[in-house]
Amino acid sequence: MIGLLINEKEVKEMEYLIKREMDEILFDLKDERIDHIVKRAMEERYKILFTLFCRVAPPNDCLRYIRRDKRGRKKG
């Protein structure tokens, strides 16, 4: 485990950067031209970013980025 001490401005910057990266991944996952294997790697990266995002962002912001499967259930 690694500890990190950051101020409020740095937290907001981390939130912003992680949101942009997750938005980019979500956009690319909709692209039919991207190979299934690549999409799987993108999904894995998204999970890592989401976990990090949940550590710095308020819970209401996290709800927006919860992924759902094709049947509308939360992915875990």
N, C-alpha and C. Protein backbone atom coordinates (compact mmCIF):
# COMPACT_ATOMS: atom_id res chain seq x y z
N MET A 1 0.85 -1.17 0.00
CA MET A 1 0.00 0.00 0.00
C MET A 1 0.89 1.23 0.00
N ILE A 2 0.52 2.20 -0.81
CA ILE A 2 1.25 3.46 -0.89
C ILE A 2 0.33 4.58 -0.47
N GLY A 3 0.80 5.44 0.41
CA GLY A 3 0.03 6.61 0.83
C GLY A 3 0.34 7.79 -0.07
N LEU A 4 -0.60 8.70 -0.18
CA LEU A 4 -0.43 9.88 -1.02
C LEU A 4 -1.10 11.05 -0.33
N LEU A 5 -0.36 12.12 -0.16
CA LEU A 5 -0.89 13.31 0.47
C LEU A 5 -0.99 14.39 -0.60
N ILE A 6 -2.22 14.77 -0.94
CA ILE A 6 -2.43 15.80 -1.97
C ILE A 6 -3.45 16.82 -1.47
N ASN A 7 -3.34 18.02 -2.00
CA ASN A 7 -4.29 19.06 -1.58
C ASN A 7 -5.55 19.02 -2.45
N GLU A 8 -6.52 19.85 -2.12
CA GLU A 8 -7.83 19.84 -2.80
C GLU A 8 -7.71 20.16 -4.28
N LYS A 9 -6.85 21.08 -4.64
CA LYS A 9 -6.66 21.44 -6.05
C LYS A 9 -6.11 20.24 -6.84
N GLU A 10 -5.19 19.50 -6.24
CA GLU A 10 -4.63 18.33 -6.90
C GLU A 10 -5.67 17.21 -7.02
N VAL A 11 -6.55 17.09 -6.04
CA VAL A 11 -7.63 16.10 -6.11
C VAL A 11 -8.54 16.42 -7.29
N LYS A 12 -8.90 17.68 -7.44
CA LYS A 12 -9.76 18.09 -8.55
C LYS A 12 -9.09 17.82 -9.89
N GLU A 13 -7.79 18.05 -9.97
CA GLU A 13 -7.05 17.78 -11.20
C GLU A 13 -7.03 16.29 -11.50
N MET A 14 -6.83 15.46 -10.48
CA MET A 14 -6.87 14.01 -10.68
C MET A 14 -8.25 13.56 -11.15
N GLU A 15 -9.30 14.09 -10.53
CA GLU A 15 -10.66 13.77 -10.95
C GLU A 15 -10.84 14.10 -12.43
N TYR A 16 -10.41 15.28 -12.81
CA TYR A 16 -10.58 15.73 -14.20
C TYR A 16 -9.84 14.80 -15.16
N LEU A 17 -8.59 14.49 -14.86
CA LEU A 17 -7.79 13.65 -15.75
C LEU A 17 -8.37 12.25 -15.88
N ILE A 18 -8.78 11.68 -14.76
CA ILE A 18 -9.35 10.33 -14.79
C ILE A 18 -10.68 10.32 -15.54
N LYS A 19 -11.51 11.34 -15.32
CA LYS A 19 -12.79 11.43 -16.05
C LYS A 19 -12.56 11.49 -17.55
N ARG A 20 -11.60 12.32 -17.98
CA ARG A 20 -11.33 12.45 -19.42
C ARG A 20 -10.90 11.11 -20.00
N GLU A 21 -10.04 10.40 -19.27
CA GLU A 21 -9.55 9.12 -19.76
C GLU A 21 -10.68 8.09 -19.81
N MET A 22 -11.52 8.06 -18.80
CA MET A 22 -12.65 7.11 -18.80
C MET A 22 -13.64 7.46 -19.91
N ASP A 23 -13.90 8.74 -20.13
CA ASP A 23 -14.79 9.15 -21.22
C ASP A 23 -14.25 8.71 -22.57
N GLU A 24 -12.94 8.83 -22.75
CA GLU A 24 -12.31 8.41 -24.01
C GLU A 24 -12.45 6.90 -24.20
N ILE A 25 -12.26 6.14 -23.15
CA ILE A 25 -12.41 4.68 -23.24
C ILE A 25 -13.85 4.32 -23.56
N LEU A 26 -14.80 4.96 -22.89
CA LEU A 26 -16.22 4.68 -23.16
C LEU A 26 -16.57 4.98 -24.61
N PHE A 27 -16.04 6.06 -25.14
CA PHE A 27 -16.27 6.42 -26.53
C PHE A 27 -15.69 5.35 -27.46
N ASP A 28 -14.46 4.93 -27.19
CA ASP A 28 -13.79 3.94 -28.04
C ASP A 28 -14.44 2.56 -27.95
N LEU A 29 -15.02 2.22 -26.81
CA LEU A 29 -15.67 0.92 -26.68
C LEU A 29 -16.88 0.79 -27.60
N LYS A 30 -17.46 1.90 -28.00
CA LYS A 30 -18.61 1.88 -28.90
C LYS A 30 -18.20 1.72 -30.36
N ASP A 31 -16.92 1.89 -30.66
CA ASP A 31 -16.42 1.82 -32.03
C ASP A 31 -16.36 0.37 -32.49
N GLU A 32 -17.11 0.05 -33.51
CA GLU A 32 -17.19 -1.32 -34.02
C GLU A 32 -15.90 -1.76 -34.71
N ARG A 33 -15.06 -0.81 -35.12
CA ARG A 33 -13.84 -1.15 -35.84
C ARG A 33 -12.74 -1.67 -34.92
N ILE A 34 -12.88 -1.46 -33.62
CA ILE A 34 -11.84 -1.88 -32.68
C ILE A 34 -12.02 -3.36 -32.35
N ASP A 35 -10.93 -4.09 -32.41
CA ASP A 35 -10.91 -5.53 -32.19
C ASP A 35 -11.36 -5.90 -30.78
N HIS A 36 -11.97 -7.07 -30.65
CA HIS A 36 -12.48 -7.57 -29.38
C HIS A 36 -11.38 -7.67 -28.31
N ILE A 37 -10.21 -8.12 -28.69
CA ILE A 37 -9.10 -8.27 -27.75
C ILE A 37 -8.66 -6.91 -27.22
N VAL A 38 -8.62 -5.93 -28.08
CA VAL A 38 -8.25 -4.58 -27.68
C VAL A 38 -9.31 -4.01 -26.73
N LYS A 39 -10.56 -4.26 -27.04
CA LYS A 39 -11.64 -3.79 -26.18
C LYS A 39 -11.57 -4.42 -24.79
N ARG A 40 -11.17 -5.68 -24.73
CA ARG A 40 -11.02 -6.33 -23.44
C ARG A 40 -9.94 -5.65 -22.60
N ALA A 41 -8.84 -5.28 -23.24
CA ALA A 41 -7.77 -4.56 -22.55
C ALA A 41 -8.26 -3.18 -22.09
N MET A 42 -9.07 -2.55 -22.93
CA MET A 42 -9.63 -1.25 -22.58
C MET A 42 -10.56 -1.37 -21.38
N GLU A 43 -11.34 -2.44 -21.33
CA GLU A 43 -12.24 -2.69 -20.20
C GLU A 43 -11.43 -2.84 -18.91
N GLU A 44 -10.33 -3.57 -18.99
CA GLU A 44 -9.48 -3.76 -17.82
C GLU A 44 -8.89 -2.43 -17.35
N ARG A 45 -8.45 -1.62 -18.28
CA ARG A 45 -7.92 -0.30 -17.93
C ARG A 45 -9.00 0.57 -17.31
N TYR A 46 -10.21 0.48 -17.85
CA TYR A 46 -11.33 1.25 -17.32
C TYR A 46 -11.60 0.87 -15.86
N LYS A 47 -11.56 -0.43 -15.55
CA LYS A 47 -11.79 -0.89 -14.18
C LYS A 47 -10.77 -0.29 -13.22
N ILE A 48 -9.51 -0.27 -13.64
CA ILE A 48 -8.45 0.30 -12.80
C ILE A 48 -8.68 1.80 -12.59
N LEU A 49 -8.99 2.50 -13.67
CA LEU A 49 -9.24 3.95 -13.57
C LEU A 49 -10.46 4.24 -12.70
N PHE A 50 -11.50 3.43 -12.85
CA PHE A 50 -12.71 3.64 -12.06
C PHE A 50 -12.43 3.45 -10.58
N THR A 51 -11.66 2.43 -10.24
CA THR A 51 -11.29 2.21 -8.84
C THR A 51 -10.52 3.39 -8.29
N LEU A 52 -9.58 3.90 -9.05
CA LEU A 52 -8.82 5.08 -8.64
C LEU A 52 -9.73 6.29 -8.52
N PHE A 53 -10.63 6.45 -9.47
CA PHE A 53 -11.57 7.58 -9.46
C PHE A 53 -12.43 7.56 -8.21
N CYS A 54 -12.89 6.37 -7.82
CA CYS A 54 -13.75 6.24 -6.63
C CYS A 54 -13.01 6.63 -5.35
N ARG A 55 -11.71 6.57 -5.37
CA ARG A 55 -10.92 6.96 -4.19
C ARG A 55 -10.84 8.47 -4.02
N VAL A 56 -10.98 9.22 -5.12
CA VAL A 56 -10.81 10.67 -5.03
C VAL A 56 -12.09 11.46 -5.28
N ALA A 57 -13.07 10.85 -5.91
CA ALA A 57 -14.29 11.56 -6.30
C ALA A 57 -15.42 11.31 -5.31
N PRO A 58 -16.36 12.26 -5.26
CA PRO A 58 -17.55 12.04 -4.43
C PRO A 58 -18.40 10.89 -5.00
N PRO A 59 -19.12 10.18 -4.13
CA PRO A 59 -19.92 9.02 -4.58
C PRO A 59 -20.89 9.35 -5.72
N ASN A 60 -21.50 10.52 -5.70
CA ASN A 60 -22.45 10.87 -6.77
C ASN A 60 -21.77 10.93 -8.13
N ASP A 61 -20.53 11.38 -8.18
CA ASP A 61 -19.79 11.42 -9.44
C ASP A 61 -19.45 10.01 -9.91
N CYS A 62 -19.19 9.13 -8.97
CA CYS A 62 -18.83 7.74 -9.32
C CYS A 62 -20.00 7.01 -9.97
N LEU A 63 -21.21 7.31 -9.52
CA LEU A 63 -22.39 6.64 -10.07
C LEU A 63 -22.50 6.81 -11.59
N ARG A 64 -22.10 7.95 -12.08
CA ARG A 64 -22.19 8.24 -13.51
C ARG A 64 -21.31 7.30 -14.34
N TYR A 65 -20.23 6.82 -13.75
CA TYR A 65 -19.25 6.04 -14.50
C TYR A 65 -19.35 4.53 -14.25
N ILE A 66 -20.38 4.09 -13.53
CA ILE A 66 -20.56 2.65 -13.34
C ILE A 66 -20.99 2.04 -14.66
N ARG A 67 -20.23 1.02 -15.10
CA ARG A 67 -20.54 0.35 -16.37
C ARG A 67 -21.67 -0.64 -16.17
N ARG A 68 -22.47 -0.82 -17.17
CA ARG A 68 -23.57 -1.78 -17.15
C ARG A 68 -23.40 -2.76 -18.31
N ASP A 69 -23.87 -3.98 -18.10
CA ASP A 69 -23.79 -4.95 -19.18
C ASP A 69 -24.95 -4.74 -20.15
N LYS A 70 -25.07 -5.58 -21.14
CA LYS A 70 -26.08 -5.40 -22.17
C LYS A 70 -27.51 -5.54 -21.64
N ARG A 71 -27.64 -6.19 -20.48
CA ARG A 71 -28.97 -6.37 -19.90
C ARG A 71 -29.28 -5.29 -18.86
N GLY A 72 -28.38 -4.32 -18.71
CA GLY A 72 -28.64 -3.22 -17.79
C GLY A 72 -28.16 -3.43 -16.36
N ARG A 73 -27.47 -4.58 -16.14
CA ARG A 73 -26.96 -4.84 -14.80
C ARG A 73 -25.57 -4.25 -14.65
N LYS A 74 -25.22 -3.90 -13.38
CA LYS A 74 -23.91 -3.35 -13.09
C LYS A 74 -22.84 -4.41 -13.35
N LYS A 75 -21.75 -3.96 -13.97
CA LYS A 75 -20.61 -4.87 -14.14
C LYS A 75 -19.77 -4.80 -12.88
N GLY A 76 -19.27 -5.93 -12.45
CA GLY A 76 -18.53 -5.96 -11.21
C GLY A 76 -17.17 -6.41 -11.35
